Amino acid sequence: MEISFEKDYLRELFYDGVTSDKQHRYQLDIVKRYVRVVNILDSVDQPIDLFRYRSLHYEKLVGDKAGLESVRVNNQYRIEFKTSAEGDITICSITDLSNHYK
C-alpha cells in the first residue's frame, strides 16, 4: 500500500512537520498525531484493517463527501482520504470538525 498526498501542505506536514502555506498551520501536538495516523495508514494492508484501531474511528463518508473515507487525528480533526482499487491511499485533507458541524 502506498501513501500519496493530494495537496502540497499535507506532504509538507508529514515530512517536515511544518507547512509553508500560512492558511494551514497546526499546533505541534496535532502535527505529531497527524504523522502518527498517516504512519498507521501506511502500515495496514487494506483499509478495513483500520477497524482494529478504535481510536481512529474509521468510516466511509456519505453525502457530499461520498467516495472518501476518514480517520480521526483527535476529537477535533480528521484525515479524509481516498483508496484506489490497488489499495493505495491518497490523503485529501485534514478537516477541523468543530467548524464542520456548525
C-alpha atoms as a PDB file:
ATOM      1  CA  MET A   1       0.000   0.000   0.000  1.00  0.00           C
ATOM      2  CA  GLU A   2       1.396   3.376  -0.974  1.00  0.00           C
ATOM      3  CA  ILE A   3       0.567   6.759   0.540  1.00  0.00           C
ATOM      4  CA  SER A   4       0.313   9.874  -1.645  1.00  0.00           C
ATOM      5  CA  PHE A   5      -0.838  13.395  -0.891  1.00  0.00           C
ATOM      6  CA  GLU A   6      -3.361  15.387  -2.906  1.00  0.00           C
ATOM      7  CA  LYS A   7      -2.066  18.755  -1.686  1.00  0.00           C
ATOM      8  CA  ASP A   8       1.458  20.017  -1.016  1.00  0.00           C
ATOM      9  CA  TYR A   9       0.716  21.246   2.511  1.00  0.00           C
ATOM     10  CA  LEU A  10      -0.276  17.704   3.561  1.00  0.00           C
ATOM     11  CA  ARG A  11       3.022  16.320   2.266  1.00  0.00           C
ATOM     12  CA  GLU A  12       4.982  19.100   3.998  1.00  0.00           C
ATOM     13  CA  LEU A  13       3.219  18.437   7.311  1.00  0.00           C
ATOM     14  CA  PHE A  14       4.096  14.759   7.127  1.00  0.00           C
ATOM     15  CA  TYR A  15       7.727  15.042   6.051  1.00  0.00           C
ATOM     16  CA  ASP A  16       8.771  18.404   7.543  1.00  0.00           C
ATOM     17  CA  GLY A  17       6.345  18.912  10.437  1.00  0.00           C
ATOM     18  CA  VAL A  18       5.515  22.414   9.187  1.00  0.00           C
ATOM     19  CA  THR A  19       3.993  23.897   6.080  1.00  0.00           C
ATOM     20  CA  SER A  20       4.910  26.956   4.042  1.00  0.00           C
ATOM     21  CA  ASP A  21       1.197  27.632   3.490  1.00  0.00           C
ATOM     22  CA  LYS A  22       0.124  30.116   6.189  1.00  0.00           C
ATOM     23  CA  GLN A  23      -3.516  29.056   5.869  1.00  0.00           C
ATOM     24  CA  HIS A  24      -2.716  25.524   7.051  1.00  0.00           C
ATOM     25  CA  ARG A  25      -0.802  25.960  10.301  1.00  0.00           C
ATOM     26  CA  TYR A  26      -1.431  23.484  13.100  1.00  0.00           C
ATOM     27  CA  GLN A  27      -0.280  23.082  16.684  1.00  0.00           C
ATOM     28  CA  LEU A  28       2.702  20.795  17.240  1.00  0.00           C
ATOM     29  CA  ASP A  29       0.539  18.193  19.021  1.00  0.00           C
ATOM     30  CA  ILE A  30      -1.829  17.986  16.018  1.00  0.00           C
ATOM     31  CA  VAL A  31       1.102  17.609  13.610  1.00  0.00           C
ATOM     32  CA  LYS A  32       2.588  14.774  15.720  1.00  0.00           C
ATOM     33  CA  ARG A  33      -0.766  12.981  15.794  1.00  0.00           C
ATOM     34  CA  TYR A  34      -1.212  13.552  12.037  1.00  0.00           C
ATOM     35  CA  VAL A  35       2.177  11.928  11.353  1.00  0.00           C
ATOM     36  CA  ARG A  36       1.301   9.006  13.669  1.00  0.00           C
ATOM     37  CA  VAL A  37      -2.042   8.403  11.918  1.00  0.00           C
ATOM     38  CA  VAL A  38      -0.504   8.596   8.420  1.00  0.00           C
ATOM     39  CA  ASN A  39       2.109   6.059   9.535  1.00  0.00           C
ATOM     40  CA  ILE A  40      -0.707   3.767  10.693  1.00  0.00           C
ATOM     41  CA  LEU A  41      -2.423   4.201   7.311  1.00  0.00           C
ATOM     42  CA  ASP A  42       0.850   3.229   5.649  1.00  0.00           C
ATOM     43  CA  SER A  43       1.230   0.129   7.834  1.00  0.00           C
ATOM     44  CA  VAL A  44      -2.130  -1.540   7.097  1.00  0.00           C
ATOM     45  CA  ASP A  45      -2.641  -3.907   4.174  1.00  0.00           C
ATOM     46  CA  GLN A  46      -6.166  -2.773   3.410  1.00  0.00           C
ATOM     47  CA  PRO A  47      -8.447  -0.035   4.769  1.00  0.00           C
ATOM     48  CA  ILE A  48     -10.708  -2.497   6.597  1.00  0.00           C
ATOM     49  CA  ASP A  49      -7.751  -3.238   8.896  1.00  0.00           C
ATOM     50  CA  LEU A  50      -8.227   0.275  10.318  1.00  0.00           C
ATOM     51  CA  PHE A  51     -11.182  -1.008  12.358  1.00  0.00           C
ATOM     52  CA  ARG A  52      -8.597  -2.593  14.694  1.00  0.00           C
ATOM     53  CA  TYR A  53      -7.619   0.916  15.801  1.00  0.00           C
ATOM     54  CA  ARG A  54     -10.765   2.033  17.641  1.00  0.00           C
ATOM     55  CA  SER A  55      -9.327   5.478  18.440  1.00  0.00           C
ATOM     56  CA  LEU A  56      -9.179   6.287  14.720  1.00  0.00           C
ATOM     57  CA  HIS A  57     -12.968   5.976  14.267  1.00  0.00           C
ATOM     58  CA  TYR A  58     -12.534   4.769  10.678  1.00  0.00           C
ATOM     59  CA  GLU A  59     -15.571   5.436   8.495  1.00  0.00           C
ATOM     60  CA  LYS A  60     -16.657   5.807   4.894  1.00  0.00           C
ATOM     61  CA  LEU A  61     -18.155   9.229   4.353  1.00  0.00           C
ATOM     62  CA  VAL A  62     -21.575   9.817   2.796  1.00  0.00           C
ATOM     63  CA  GLY A  63     -23.463  12.696   1.212  1.00  0.00           C
ATOM     64  CA  ASP A  64     -21.363  15.345  -0.492  1.00  0.00           C
ATOM     65  CA  LYS A  65     -18.193  13.525   0.623  1.00  0.00           C
ATOM     66  CA  ALA A  66     -19.205  10.145  -0.785  1.00  0.00           C
ATOM     67  CA  GLY A  67     -16.195   8.206  -2.055  1.00  0.00           C
ATOM     68  CA  LEU A  68     -13.976   9.473   0.761  1.00  0.00           C
ATOM     69  CA  GLU A  69     -13.019   7.687   3.945  1.00  0.00           C
ATOM     70  CA  SER A  70     -11.808   9.213   7.189  1.00  0.00           C
ATOM     71  CA  VAL A  71      -9.915   8.549  10.376  1.00  0.00           C
ATOM     72  CA  ARG A  72      -9.640  10.797  13.402  1.00  0.00           C
ATOM     73  CA  VAL A  73      -6.459  12.584  14.400  1.00  0.00           C
ATOM     74  CA  ASN A  74      -8.173  13.572  17.662  1.00  0.00           C
ATOM     75  CA  ASN A  75     -11.671  14.733  18.658  1.00  0.00           C
ATOM     76  CA  GLN A  76     -11.276  17.965  16.687  1.00  0.00           C
ATOM     77  CA  TYR A  77      -9.524  16.883  13.457  1.00  0.00           C
ATOM     78  CA  ARG A  78      -9.932  14.092  10.933  1.00  0.00           C
ATOM     79  CA  ILE A  79      -7.955  12.999   7.887  1.00  0.00           C
ATOM     80  CA  GLU A  80     -10.006  12.421   4.739  1.00  0.00           C
ATOM     81  CA  PHE A  81      -8.579  10.063   2.124  1.00  0.00           C
ATOM     82  CA  LYS A  82      -9.396   8.029  -0.981  1.00  0.00           C
ATOM     83  CA  THR A  83      -8.448   4.411  -1.571  1.00  0.00           C
ATOM     84  CA  SER A  84      -7.693   3.082  -5.052  1.00  0.00           C
ATOM     85  CA  ALA A  85      -8.610  -0.406  -6.299  1.00  0.00           C
ATOM     86  CA  GLU A  86      -4.984  -1.462  -5.710  1.00  0.00           C
ATOM     87  CA  GLY A  87      -5.233  -0.323  -2.086  1.00  0.00           C
ATOM     88  CA  ASP A  88      -3.147   2.832  -2.439  1.00  0.00           C
ATOM     89  CA  ILE A  89      -4.211   5.738  -0.223  1.00  0.00           C
ATOM     90  CA  THR A  90      -4.373   9.383  -1.273  1.00  0.00           C
ATOM     91  CA  ILE A  91      -4.601  11.827   1.646  1.00  0.00           C
ATOM     92  CA  CYS A  92      -7.066  14.541   0.569  1.00  0.00           C
ATOM     93  CA  SER A  93      -7.409  16.857   3.561  1.00  0.00           C
ATOM     94  CA  ILE A  94      -7.232  17.395   7.281  1.00  0.00           C
ATOM     95  CA  THR A  95     -10.561  18.784   8.452  1.00  0.00           C
ATOM     96  CA  ASP A  96     -11.433  20.757  11.564  1.00  0.00           C
ATOM     97  CA  LEU A  97     -14.598  19.103  12.864  1.00  0.00           C
ATOM     98  CA  SER A  98     -15.515  21.989  15.170  1.00  0.00           C
ATOM     99  CA  ASN A  99     -16.259  24.093  12.058  1.00  0.00           C
ATOM    100  CA  HIS A 100     -17.733  21.143  10.170  1.00  0.00           C
ATOM    101  CA  TYR A 101     -20.746  20.574  12.444  1.00  0.00           C
ATOM    102  CA  LYS A 102     -21.819  24.225  12.833  1.00  0.00           C
END
